[in-house]
């Protein structure tokens, strides 16, 4: 397993990307927050991890209403 395959690493990457985009700033892989695929990925991943919704709220980024959680999903 690569280090980048660990859930904690993906969460941290998503968190850092969201932080970079707070208040309209940009991250290392974009020119603006409206077209950044890394930012779109982060917004998809954060609500699925414990604490991710809190990160989005603290950064004042709207939390998606129907984001499924990876914790406690029915099978």
C-alpha atoms as a PDB file:
ATOM      1  CA  UNK A   1       0.000   0.000   0.000  1.00  0.00           C
ATOM      2  CA  UNK A   2       1.377   3.389  -0.989  1.00  0.00           C
ATOM      3  CA  UNK A   3       1.368   6.103   1.646  1.00  0.00           C
ATOM      4  CA  UNK A   4      -1.029   8.105  -0.529  1.00  0.00           C
ATOM      5  CA  UNK A   5      -3.483   5.186  -0.403  1.00  0.00           C
ATOM      6  CA  UNK A   6      -4.052   5.624   3.322  1.00  0.00           C
ATOM      7  CA  UNK A   7      -7.394   7.239   4.236  1.00  0.00           C
ATOM      8  CA  UNK A   8      -5.670   9.628   6.634  1.00  0.00           C
ATOM      9  CA  UNK A   9      -3.424  10.891   3.818  1.00  0.00           C
ATOM     10  CA  UNK A  10      -6.366  11.424   1.474  1.00  0.00           C
ATOM     11  CA  UNK A  11      -8.248  13.276   4.226  1.00  0.00           C
ATOM     12  CA  UNK A  12      -5.220  15.462   4.962  1.00  0.00           C
ATOM     13  CA  UNK A  13      -4.746  16.256   1.276  1.00  0.00           C
ATOM     14  CA  UNK A  14      -8.421  17.174   0.921  1.00  0.00           C
ATOM     15  CA  UNK A  15      -8.266  19.306   4.086  1.00  0.00           C
ATOM     16  CA  UNK A  16      -5.176  21.185   2.905  1.00  0.00           C
ATOM     17  CA  UNK A  17      -6.719  21.785  -0.523  1.00  0.00           C
ATOM     18  CA  UNK A  18      -9.896  23.176   1.047  1.00  0.00           C
ATOM     19  CA  UNK A  19      -7.822  25.415   3.309  1.00  0.00           C
ATOM     20  CA  UNK A  20      -5.922  26.751   0.313  1.00  0.00           C
ATOM     21  CA  UNK A  21      -9.179  27.578  -1.444  1.00  0.00           C
ATOM     22  CA  UNK A  22     -10.767  29.306   1.543  1.00  0.00           C
ATOM     23  CA  UNK A  23     -11.652  32.926   0.808  1.00  0.00           C
ATOM     24  CA  UNK A  24     -11.122  32.498  -2.935  1.00  0.00           C
ATOM     25  CA  UNK A  25      -7.427  31.627  -2.832  1.00  0.00           C
ATOM     26  CA  UNK A  26      -5.919  28.883  -4.997  1.00  0.00           C
ATOM     27  CA  UNK A  27      -3.924  25.685  -4.433  1.00  0.00           C
ATOM     28  CA  UNK A  28      -0.785  24.336  -6.093  1.00  0.00           C
ATOM     29  CA  UNK A  29      -2.692  22.786  -8.985  1.00  0.00           C
ATOM     30  CA  UNK A  30      -5.059  25.522 -10.113  1.00  0.00           C
ATOM     31  CA  UNK A  31      -5.520  29.022 -11.370  1.00  0.00           C
ATOM     32  CA  UNK A  32      -8.946  29.650  -9.795  1.00  0.00           C
ATOM     33  CA  UNK A  33     -11.308  27.841  -7.437  1.00  0.00           C
ATOM     34  CA  UNK A  34     -14.141  27.524  -9.941  1.00  0.00           C
ATOM     35  CA  UNK A  35     -12.288  25.124 -12.278  1.00  0.00           C
ATOM     36  CA  UNK A  36      -9.851  23.323  -9.980  1.00  0.00           C
ATOM     37  CA  UNK A  37     -10.294  19.548 -10.171  1.00  0.00           C
ATOM     38  CA  UNK A  38      -8.265  19.084  -6.975  1.00  0.00           C
ATOM     39  CA  UNK A  39     -10.695  21.365  -5.114  1.00  0.00           C
ATOM     40  CA  UNK A  40     -13.707  19.520  -6.567  1.00  0.00           C
ATOM     41  CA  UNK A  41     -12.142  16.243  -5.394  1.00  0.00           C
ATOM     42  CA  UNK A  42     -11.596  17.692  -1.906  1.00  0.00           C
ATOM     43  CA  UNK A  43     -15.205  18.859  -1.681  1.00  0.00           C
ATOM     44  CA  UNK A  44     -16.326  15.364  -2.635  1.00  0.00           C
ATOM     45  CA  UNK A  45     -14.041  13.590  -0.145  1.00  0.00           C
ATOM     46  CA  UNK A  46     -14.237  15.752   2.990  1.00  0.00           C
ATOM     47  CA  UNK A  47     -17.905  15.153   3.854  1.00  0.00           C
ATOM     48  CA  UNK A  48     -17.300  11.389   3.602  1.00  0.00           C
ATOM     49  CA  UNK A  49     -14.712  11.304   6.411  1.00  0.00           C
ATOM     50  CA  UNK A  50     -15.140  11.823  10.136  1.00  0.00           C
ATOM     51  CA  UNK A  51     -14.348  15.452  10.884  1.00  0.00           C
ATOM     52  CA  UNK A  52     -14.519  16.511   7.247  1.00  0.00           C
ATOM     53  CA  UNK A  53     -17.818  18.334   7.698  1.00  0.00           C
ATOM     54  CA  UNK A  54     -16.291  20.233  10.618  1.00  0.00           C
ATOM     55  CA  UNK A  55     -13.365  21.275   8.421  1.00  0.00           C
ATOM     56  CA  UNK A  56     -15.756  22.610   5.785  1.00  0.00           C
ATOM     57  CA  UNK A  57     -17.848  24.469   8.393  1.00  0.00           C
ATOM     58  CA  UNK A  58     -14.763  26.077   9.962  1.00  0.00           C
ATOM     59  CA  UNK A  59     -13.651  27.253   6.524  1.00  0.00           C
ATOM     60  CA  UNK A  60     -17.200  28.498   5.801  1.00  0.00           C
ATOM     61  CA  UNK A  61     -17.481  26.222   2.770  1.00  0.00           C
ATOM     62  CA  UNK A  62     -21.050  24.931   2.256  1.00  0.00           C
ATOM     63  CA  UNK A  63     -21.441  21.302   3.316  1.00  0.00           C
ATOM     64  CA  UNK A  64     -23.277  19.134   0.752  1.00  0.00           C
ATOM     65  CA  UNK A  65     -26.644  18.015   2.126  1.00  0.00           C
ATOM     66  CA  UNK A  66     -26.629  14.398   0.945  1.00  0.00           C
ATOM     67  CA  UNK A  67     -22.971  13.435   1.206  1.00  0.00           C
ATOM     68  CA  UNK A  68     -22.749   9.751   2.132  1.00  0.00           C
ATOM     69  CA  UNK A  69     -20.414   8.882   4.969  1.00  0.00           C
ATOM     70  CA  UNK A  70     -17.775   6.166   4.606  1.00  0.00           C
ATOM     71  CA  UNK A  71     -18.377   5.397   8.251  1.00  0.00           C
ATOM     72  CA  UNK A  72     -21.434   3.279   8.952  1.00  0.00           C
ATOM     73  CA  UNK A  73     -22.643   2.717   5.400  1.00  0.00           C
ATOM     74  CA  UNK A  74     -25.215  -0.023   5.004  1.00  0.00           C
ATOM     75  CA  UNK A  75     -24.247  -2.941   2.817  1.00  0.00           C
END
